[in-house]
Amino acid sequence: MVLGTVILSASSETNWNFCKGLAAGIYADPDNCGAYYVCVPAHDGSLRTHYAICAEGMVYHPVDQLCDSKANVPPPCGTKEEKKK
């Protein structure tokens, strides 16, 4: 289990502005469970979009905001079963 550590295999600034209209923060890639966007404030007040890819076999956990194994991430990207009340 990975706790408190973001494991990246790649990270780069993109030209496509995913962050337009969003607050600074980290957002899951809606098209790729193994990646996410980081919206970082720039000097001019805009947000820069950085794209990060989790290490092979890992998926992004949107609640914990880190890359983790599928067993620790709830669906649709992971296989973690939610506890029933």
PDB file of N, CA and C in Angstrom:
ATOM      1  N   MET A   1       0.839  -1.171   0.000  1.00  0.00           N
ATOM      2  CA  MET A   1       0.000   0.000   0.000  1.00  0.00           C
ATOM      3  C   MET A   1       0.888   1.239   0.000  1.00  0.00           C
ATOM      4  N   VAL A   2       0.516   2.234  -0.789  1.00  0.00           N
ATOM      5  CA  VAL A   2       1.268   3.473  -0.883  1.00  0.00           C
ATOM      6  C   VAL A   2       0.477   4.558  -0.180  1.00  0.00           C
ATOM      7  N   LEU A   3       1.083   5.214   0.786  1.00  0.00           N
ATOM      8  CA  LEU A   3       0.403   6.278   1.513  1.00  0.00           C
ATOM      9  C   LEU A   3       1.230   7.552   1.466  1.00  0.00           C
ATOM     10  N   GLY A   4       0.586   8.656   1.112  1.00  0.00           N
ATOM     11  CA  GLY A   4       1.237   9.946   1.172  1.00  0.00           C
ATOM     12  C   GLY A   4       2.337  10.185   0.165  1.00  0.00           C
ATOM     13  N   THR A   5       2.448   9.351  -0.828  1.00  0.00           N
ATOM     14  CA  THR A   5       3.494   9.513  -1.823  1.00  0.00           C
ATOM     15  C   THR A   5       2.882   9.486  -3.210  1.00  0.00           C
ATOM     16  N   VAL A   6       3.206  10.480  -3.998  1.00  0.00           N
ATOM     17  CA  VAL A   6       2.773  10.487  -5.385  1.00  0.00           C
ATOM     18  C   VAL A   6       3.890   9.857  -6.195  1.00  0.00           C
ATOM     19  N   ILE A   7       3.574   8.796  -6.901  1.00  0.00           N
ATOM     20  CA  ILE A   7       4.571   8.108  -7.712  1.00  0.00           C
ATOM     21  C   ILE A   7       4.332   8.490  -9.166  1.00  0.00           C
ATOM     22  N   LEU A   8       5.303   9.134  -9.760  1.00  0.00           N
ATOM     23  CA  LEU A   8       5.166   9.601 -11.128  1.00  0.00           C
ATOM     24  C   LEU A   8       6.137   8.880 -12.036  1.00  0.00           C
ATOM     25  N   SER A   9       5.686   8.596 -13.226  1.00  0.00           N
ATOM     26  CA  SER A   9       6.626   8.123 -14.225  1.00  0.00           C
ATOM     27  C   SER A   9       6.919   9.242 -15.207  1.00  0.00           C
ATOM     28  N   ALA A  10       6.052  10.246 -15.243  1.00  0.00           N
ATOM     29  CA  ALA A  10       6.273  11.385 -16.131  1.00  0.00           C
ATOM     30  C   ALA A  10       5.435  12.560 -15.668  1.00  0.00           C
ATOM     31  N   SER A  11       5.928  13.742 -15.909  1.00  0.00           N
ATOM     32  CA  SER A  11       5.186  14.960 -15.616  1.00  0.00           C
ATOM     33  C   SER A  11       5.672  16.027 -16.577  1.00  0.00           C
ATOM     34  N   SER A  12       4.744  16.748 -17.170  1.00  0.00           N
ATOM     35  CA  SER A  12       5.160  17.783 -18.102  1.00  0.00           C
ATOM     36  C   SER A  12       4.116  18.884 -18.156  1.00  0.00           C
ATOM     37  N   GLU A  13       4.586  20.078 -18.505  1.00  0.00           N
ATOM     38  CA  GLU A  13       3.659  21.181 -18.712  1.00  0.00           C
ATOM     39  C   GLU A  13       3.059  21.002 -20.099  1.00  0.00           C
ATOM     40  N   THR A  14       1.758  21.230 -20.206  1.00  0.00           N
ATOM     41  CA  THR A  14       1.088  21.042 -21.487  1.00  0.00           C
ATOM     42  C   THR A  14       0.672  22.384 -22.067  1.00  0.00           C
ATOM     43  N   ASN A  15       0.465  22.419 -23.359  1.00  0.00           N
ATOM     44  CA  ASN A  15      -0.049  23.619 -24.008  1.00  0.00           C
ATOM     45  C   ASN A  15      -1.563  23.699 -23.887  1.00  0.00           C
ATOM     46  N   TRP A  16      -2.220  22.549 -23.800  1.00  0.00           N
ATOM     47  CA  TRP A  16      -3.668  22.510 -23.682  1.00  0.00           C
ATOM     48  C   TRP A  16      -4.049  22.961 -22.288  1.00  0.00           C
ATOM     49  N   ASN A  17      -4.954  23.919 -22.166  1.00  0.00           N
ATOM     50  CA  ASN A  17      -5.262  24.482 -20.860  1.00  0.00           C
ATOM     51  C   ASN A  17      -6.440  23.785 -20.207  1.00  0.00           C
ATOM     52  N   PHE A  18      -6.220  22.610 -19.689  1.00  0.00           N
ATOM     53  CA  PHE A  18      -7.223  21.865 -18.934  1.00  0.00           C
ATOM     54  C   PHE A  18      -7.725  22.694 -17.760  1.00  0.00           C
ATOM     55  N   CYS A  19      -6.860  23.504 -17.174  1.00  0.00           N
ATOM     56  CA  CYS A  19      -7.161  24.226 -15.934  1.00  0.00           C
ATOM     57  C   CYS A  19      -8.029  25.467 -16.117  1.00  0.00           C
ATOM     58  N   LYS A  20      -8.295  25.864 -17.337  1.00  0.00           N
ATOM     59  CA  LYS A  20      -9.067  27.085 -17.563  1.00  0.00           C
ATOM     60  C   LYS A  20     -10.418  26.986 -16.859  1.00  0.00           C
ATOM     61  N   GLY A  21     -10.696  27.963 -16.002  1.00  0.00           N
ATOM     62  CA  GLY A  21     -11.961  28.003 -15.278  1.00  0.00           C
ATOM     63  C   GLY A  21     -11.970  27.195 -13.987  1.00  0.00           C
ATOM     64  N   LEU A  22     -10.870  26.515 -13.676  1.00  0.00           N
ATOM     65  CA  LEU A  22     -10.782  25.712 -12.454  1.00  0.00           C
ATOM     66  C   LEU A  22      -9.936  26.437 -11.413  1.00  0.00           C
ATOM     67  N   ALA A  23     -10.020  25.984 -10.178  1.00  0.00           N
ATOM     68  CA  ALA A  23      -9.151  26.481  -9.111  1.00  0.00           C
ATOM     69  C   ALA A  23      -7.833  25.714  -9.154  1.00  0.00           C
ATOM     70  N   ALA A  24      -6.801  26.286  -8.555  1.00  0.00           N
ATOM     71  CA  ALA A  24      -5.528  25.575  -8.435  1.00  0.00           C
ATOM     72  C   ALA A  24      -5.779  24.275  -7.686  1.00  0.00           C
ATOM     73  N   GLY A  25      -5.155  23.202  -8.133  1.00  0.00           N
ATOM     74  CA  GLY A  25      -5.357  21.916  -7.474  1.00  0.00           C
ATOM     75  C   GLY A  25      -4.987  20.761  -8.373  1.00  0.00           C
ATOM     76  N   ILE A  26      -5.374  19.578  -7.934  1.00  0.00           N
ATOM     77  CA  ILE A  26      -5.075  18.337  -8.649  1.00  0.00           C
ATOM     78  C   ILE A  26      -6.391  17.713  -9.089  1.00  0.00           C
ATOM     79  N   TYR A  27      -6.462  17.294 -10.356  1.00  0.00           N
ATOM     80  CA  TYR A  27      -7.692  16.760 -10.938  1.00  0.00           C
ATOM     81  C   TYR A  27      -7.408  15.469 -11.697  1.00  0.00           C
ATOM     82  N   ALA A  28      -8.260  14.486 -11.518  1.00  0.00           N
ATOM     83  CA  ALA A  28      -8.140  13.229 -12.253  1.00  0.00           C
ATOM     84  C   ALA A  28      -8.319  13.480 -13.745  1.00  0.00           C
ATOM     85  N   ASP A  29      -7.597  12.745 -14.558  1.00  0.00           N
ATOM     86  CA  ASP A  29      -7.791  12.783 -16.004  1.00  0.00           C
ATOM     87  C   ASP A  29      -9.052  11.981 -16.292  1.00  0.00           C
ATOM     88  N   PRO A  30     -10.093  12.600 -16.838  1.00  0.00           N
ATOM     89  CA  PRO A  30     -11.342  11.875 -17.077  1.00  0.00           C
ATOM     90  C   PRO A  30     -11.231  10.769 -18.124  1.00  0.00           C
ATOM     91  N   ASP A  31     -10.155  10.779 -18.904  1.00  0.00           N
ATOM     92  CA  ASP A  31      -9.982   9.791 -19.967  1.00  0.00           C
ATOM     93  C   ASP A  31      -8.904   8.749 -19.679  1.00  0.00           C
ATOM     94  N   ASN A  32      -8.181   8.886 -18.556  1.00  0.00           N
ATOM     95  CA  ASN A  32      -7.070   7.981 -18.268  1.00  0.00           C
ATOM     96  C   ASN A  32      -6.936   7.813 -16.759  1.00  0.00           C
ATOM     97  N   CYS A  33      -7.278   6.649 -16.243  1.00  0.00           N
ATOM     98  CA  CYS A  33      -7.231   6.396 -14.798  1.00  0.00           C
ATOM     99  C   CYS A  33      -5.819   6.467 -14.234  1.00  0.00           C
ATOM    100  N   GLY A  34      -4.828   6.314 -15.059  1.00  0.00           N
ATOM    101  CA  GLY A  34      -3.448   6.324 -14.599  1.00  0.00           C
ATOM    102  C   GLY A  34      -2.770   7.672 -14.737  1.00  0.00           C
ATOM    103  N   ALA A  35      -3.556   8.750 -14.794  1.00  0.00           N
ATOM    104  CA  ALA A  35      -2.963  10.073 -14.968  1.00  0.00           C
ATOM    105  C   ALA A  35      -3.832  11.133 -14.301  1.00  0.00           C
ATOM    106  N   TYR A  36      -3.241  12.314 -14.138  1.00  0.00           N
ATOM    107  CA  TYR A  36      -3.973  13.422 -13.533  1.00  0.00           C
ATOM    108  C   TYR A  36      -3.352  14.748 -13.968  1.00  0.00           C
ATOM    109  N   TYR A  37      -4.094  15.820 -13.743  1.00  0.00           N
ATOM    110  CA  TYR A  37      -3.650  17.169 -14.060  1.00  0.00           C
ATOM    111  C   TYR A  37      -3.355  17.918 -12.771  1.00  0.00           C
ATOM    112  N   VAL A  38      -2.318  18.750 -12.807  1.00  0.00           N
ATOM    113  CA  VAL A  38      -2.006  19.637 -11.690  1.00  0.00           C
ATOM    114  C   VAL A  38      -2.126  21.058 -12.223  1.00  0.00           C
ATOM    115  N   CYS A  39      -3.006  21.844 -11.619  1.00  0.00           N
ATOM    116  CA  CYS A  39      -3.216  23.232 -12.018  1.00  0.00           C
ATOM    117  C   CYS A  39      -2.438  24.124 -11.054  1.00  0.00           C
ATOM    118  N   VAL A  40      -1.411  24.792 -11.580  1.00  0.00           N
ATOM    119  CA  VAL A  40      -0.469  25.562 -10.771  1.00  0.00           C
ATOM    120  C   VAL A  40      -0.567  27.040 -11.139  1.00  0.00           C
ATOM    121  N   PRO A  41      -0.682  27.928 -10.133  1.00  0.00           N
ATOM    122  CA  PRO A  41      -0.732  29.364 -10.429  1.00  0.00           C
ATOM    123  C   PRO A  41       0.554  29.849 -11.109  1.00  0.00           C
ATOM    124  N   ALA A  42       0.381  30.693 -12.118  1.00  0.00           N
ATOM    125  CA  ALA A  42       1.511  31.299 -12.825  1.00  0.00           C
ATOM    126  C   ALA A  42       1.668  32.745 -12.351  1.00  0.00           C
ATOM    127  N   HIS A  43       2.793  33.364 -12.695  1.00  0.00           N
ATOM    128  CA  HIS A  43       3.068  34.747 -12.279  1.00  0.00           C
ATOM    129  C   HIS A  43       2.053  35.740 -12.830  1.00  0.00           C
ATOM    130  N   ASP A  44       1.459  35.436 -13.977  1.00  0.00           N
ATOM    131  CA  ASP A  44       0.504  36.362 -14.588  1.00  0.00           C
ATOM    132  C   ASP A  44      -0.924  36.172 -14.079  1.00  0.00           C
ATOM    133  N   GLY A  45      -1.118  35.301 -13.088  1.00  0.00           N
ATOM    134  CA  GLY A  45      -2.445  35.077 -12.514  1.00  0.00           C
ATOM    135  C   GLY A  45      -3.206  33.935 -13.158  1.00  0.00           C
ATOM    136  N   SER A  46      -2.727  33.438 -14.286  1.00  0.00           N
ATOM    137  CA  SER A  46      -3.383  32.298 -14.931  1.00  0.00           C
ATOM    138  C   SER A  46      -2.938  31.008 -14.241  1.00  0.00           C
ATOM    139  N   LEU A  47      -3.487  29.900 -14.694  1.00  0.00           N
ATOM    140  CA  LEU A  47      -3.069  28.599 -14.177  1.00  0.00           C
ATOM    141  C   LEU A  47      -2.322  27.841 -15.262  1.00  0.00           C
ATOM    142  N   ARG A  48      -1.209  27.264 -14.911  1.00  0.00           N
ATOM    143  CA  ARG A  48      -0.459  26.401 -15.820  1.00  0.00           C
ATOM    144  C   ARG A  48      -0.962  24.980 -15.633  1.00  0.00           C
ATOM    145  N   THR A  49      -1.084  24.271 -16.739  1.00  0.00           N
ATOM    146  CA  THR A  49      -1.542  22.889 -16.708  1.00  0.00           C
ATOM    147  C   THR A  49      -0.346  21.951 -16.799  1.00  0.00           C
ATOM    148  N   HIS A  50      -0.184  21.102 -15.786  1.00  0.00           N
ATOM    149  CA  HIS A  50       0.840  20.061 -15.809  1.00  0.00           C
ATOM    150  C   HIS A  50       0.122  18.716 -15.859  1.00  0.00           C
ATOM    151  N   TYR A  51       0.635  17.804 -16.647  1.00  0.00           N
ATOM    152  CA  TYR A  51       0.050  16.476 -16.800  1.00  0.00           C
ATOM    153  C   TYR A  51       1.007  15.465 -16.197  1.00  0.00           C
ATOM    154  N   ALA A  52       0.496  14.616 -15.322  1.00  0.00           N
ATOM    155  CA  ALA A  52       1.337  13.623 -14.655  1.00  0.00           C
ATOM    156  C   ALA A  52       0.780  12.229 -14.895  1.00  0.00           C
ATOM    157  N   ILE A  53       1.671  11.269 -15.041  1.00  0.00           N
ATOM    158  CA  ILE A  53       1.290   9.881 -15.288  1.00  0.00           C
ATOM    159  C   ILE A  53       1.807   9.031 -14.136  1.00  0.00           C
ATOM    160  N   CYS A  54       0.936   8.211 -13.589  1.00  0.00           N
ATOM    161  CA  CYS A  54       1.321   7.307 -12.503  1.00  0.00           C
ATOM    162  C   CYS A  54       2.262   6.223 -13.030  1.00  0.00           C
ATOM    163  N   ALA A  55       3.030   5.644 -12.122  1.00  0.00           N
ATOM    164  CA  ALA A  55       3.907   4.532 -12.478  1.00  0.00           C
ATOM    165  C   ALA A  55       3.071   3.370 -13.009  1.00  0.00           C
ATOM    166  N   GLU A  56       3.678   2.523 -13.797  1.00  0.00           N
ATOM    167  CA  GLU A  56       2.974   1.391 -14.400  1.00  0.00           C
ATOM    168  C   GLU A  56       2.277   0.550 -13.331  1.00  0.00           C
ATOM    169  N   GLY A  57       1.027   0.213 -13.593  1.00  0.00           N
ATOM    170  CA  GLY A  57       0.239  -0.605 -12.676  1.00  0.00           C
ATOM    171  C   GLY A  57      -0.483   0.183 -11.602  1.00  0.00           C
ATOM    172  N   MET A  58      -0.265   1.496 -11.560  1.00  0.00           N
ATOM    173  CA  MET A  58      -0.908   2.344 -10.560  1.00  0.00           C
ATOM    174  C   MET A  58      -1.998   3.179 -11.229  1.00  0.00           C
ATOM    175  N   VAL A  59      -2.973   3.608 -10.426  1.00  0.00           N
ATOM    176  CA  VAL A  59      -4.021   4.508 -10.901  1.00  0.00           C
ATOM    177  C   VAL A  59      -4.099   5.693  -9.943  1.00  0.00           C
ATOM    178  N   TYR A  60      -4.672   6.790 -10.430  1.00  0.00           N
ATOM    179  CA  TYR A  60      -4.798   7.986  -9.603  1.00  0.00           C
ATOM    180  C   TYR A  60      -5.984   7.841  -8.662  1.00  0.00           C
ATOM    181  N   HIS A  61      -5.764   8.123  -7.384  1.00  0.00           N
ATOM    182  CA  HIS A  61      -6.814   8.081  -6.359  1.00  0.00           C
ATOM    183  C   HIS A  61      -7.285   9.517  -6.145  1.00  0.00           C
ATOM    184  N   PRO A  62      -8.479   9.879  -6.641  1.00  0.00           N
ATOM    185  CA  PRO A  62      -8.922  11.271  -6.598  1.00  0.00           C
ATOM    186  C   PRO A  62      -9.205  11.806  -5.191  1.00  0.00           C
ATOM    187  N   VAL A  63      -9.521  10.954  -4.251  1.00  0.00           N
ATOM    188  CA  VAL A  63      -9.785  11.417  -2.884  1.00  0.00           C
ATOM    189  C   VAL A  63      -8.470  11.649  -2.142  1.00  0.00           C
ATOM    190  N   ASP A  64      -7.568  10.676  -2.213  1.00  0.00           N
ATOM    191  CA  ASP A  64      -6.279  10.787  -1.523  1.00  0.00           C
ATOM    192  C   ASP A  64      -5.265  11.619  -2.309  1.00  0.00           C
ATOM    193  N   GLN A  65      -5.561  11.898  -3.567  1.00  0.00           N
ATOM    194  CA  GLN A  65      -4.728  12.686  -4.475  1.00  0.00           C
ATOM    195  C   GLN A  65      -3.306  12.134  -4.586  1.00  0.00           C
ATOM    196  N   LEU A  66      -3.239  10.837  -4.888  1.00  0.00           N
ATOM    197  CA  LEU A  66      -1.955  10.182  -5.117  1.00  0.00           C
ATOM    198  C   LEU A  66      -2.160   8.970  -5.997  1.00  0.00           C
ATOM    199  N   CYS A  67      -1.070   8.456  -6.525  1.00  0.00           N
ATOM    200  CA  CYS A  67      -1.124   7.231  -7.315  1.00  0.00           C
ATOM    201  C   CYS A  67      -1.095   6.053  -6.354  1.00  0.00           C
ATOM    202  N   ASP A  68      -1.941   5.061  -6.608  1.00  0.00           N
ATOM    203  CA  ASP A  68      -2.059   3.923  -5.703  1.00  0.00           C
ATOM    204  C   ASP A  68      -2.417   2.688  -6.525  1.00  0.00           C
ATOM    205  N   SER A  69      -2.382   1.526  -5.887  1.00  0.00           N
ATOM    206  CA  SER A  69      -2.769   0.300  -6.590  1.00  0.00           C
ATOM    207  C   SER A  69      -4.284   0.275  -6.765  1.00  0.00           C
ATOM    208  N   LYS A  70      -4.752  -0.430  -7.783  1.00  0.00           N
ATOM    209  CA  LYS A  70      -6.188  -0.509  -8.061  1.00  0.00           C
ATOM    210  C   LYS A  70      -6.969  -1.041  -6.873  1.00  0.00           C
ATOM    211  N   ALA A  71      -6.350  -1.905  -6.080  1.00  0.00           N
ATOM    212  CA  ALA A  71      -7.026  -2.505  -4.925  1.00  0.00           C
ATOM    213  C   ALA A  71      -7.384  -1.474  -3.860  1.00  0.00           C
ATOM    214  N   ASN A  72      -6.719  -0.321  -3.866  1.00  0.00           N
ATOM    215  CA  ASN A  72      -6.969   0.715  -2.868  1.00  0.00           C
ATOM    216  C   ASN A  72      -7.808   1.875  -3.381  1.00  0.00           C
ATOM    217  N   VAL A  73      -8.207   1.813  -4.650  1.00  0.00           N
ATOM    218  CA  VAL A  73      -8.940   2.904  -5.284  1.00  0.00           C
ATOM    219  C   VAL A  73     -10.346   2.428  -5.626  1.00  0.00           C
ATOM    220  N   PRO A  74     -11.385   3.210  -5.262  1.00  0.00           N
ATOM    221  CA  PRO A  74     -12.748   2.794  -5.591  1.00  0.00           C
ATOM    222  C   PRO A  74     -13.017   2.863  -7.100  1.00  0.00           C
ATOM    223  N   PRO A  75     -14.046   2.130  -7.571  1.00  0.00           N
ATOM    224  CA  PRO A  75     -14.424   2.203  -8.981  1.00  0.00           C
ATOM    225  C   PRO A  75     -14.788   3.643  -9.357  1.00  0.00           C
ATOM    226  N   PRO A  76     -14.689   4.009 -10.593  1.00  0.00           N
ATOM    227  CA  PRO A  76     -14.527   3.144 -11.757  1.00  0.00           C
ATOM    228  C   PRO A  76     -13.073   2.787 -12.076  1.00  0.00           C
ATOM    229  N   CYS A  77     -12.109   3.452 -11.483  1.00  0.00           N
ATOM    230  CA  CYS A  77     -10.707   3.179 -11.842  1.00  0.00           C
ATOM    231  C   CYS A  77     -10.079   2.054 -11.038  1.00  0.00           C
ATOM    232  N   GLY A  78     -10.586   1.809  -9.848  1.00  0.00           N
ATOM    233  CA  GLY A  78     -10.016   0.774  -9.002  1.00  0.00           C
ATOM    234  C   GLY A  78     -11.011  -0.326  -8.707  1.00  0.00           C
ATOM    235  N   THR A  79     -10.606  -1.206  -7.805  1.00  0.00           N
ATOM    236  CA  THR A  79     -11.447  -2.359  -7.473  1.00  0.00           C
ATOM    237  C   THR A  79     -11.834  -2.395  -5.996  1.00  0.00           C
ATOM    238  N   LYS A  80     -11.511  -1.325  -5.246  1.00  0.00           N
ATOM    239  CA  LYS A  80     -11.805  -1.303  -3.814  1.00  0.00           C
ATOM    240  C   LYS A  80     -13.309  -1.309  -3.579  1.00  0.00           C
ATOM    241  N   GLU A  81     -13.752  -2.251  -2.769  1.00  0.00           N
ATOM    242  CA  GLU A  81     -15.170  -2.351  -2.422  1.00  0.00           C
ATOM    243  C   GLU A  81     -15.473  -1.362  -1.308  1.00  0.00           C
ATOM    244  N   GLU A  82     -16.553  -0.631  -1.443  1.00  0.00           N
ATOM    245  CA  GLU A  82     -16.987   0.279  -0.383  1.00  0.00           C
ATOM    246  C   GLU A  82     -17.671  -0.530   0.699  1.00  0.00           C
ATOM    247  N   LYS A  83     -17.399  -0.198   1.951  1.00  0.00           N
ATOM    248  CA  LYS A  83     -18.041  -0.900   3.065  1.00  0.00           C
ATOM    249  C   LYS A  83     -19.504  -0.505   3.137  1.00  0.00           C
ATOM    250  N   LYS A  84     -20.364  -1.515   3.269  1.00  0.00           N
ATOM    251  CA  LYS A  84     -21.805  -1.262   3.357  1.00  0.00           C
ATOM    252  C   LYS A  84     -22.178  -1.016   4.806  1.00  0.00           C
ATOM    253  N   LYS A  85     -23.086  -0.067   5.006  1.00  0.00           N
ATOM    254  CA  LYS A  85     -23.520   0.278   6.367  1.00  0.00           C
ATOM    255  C   LYS A  85     -24.611  -0.632   6.838  1.00  0.00           C
TER     256      LYS A  85
END
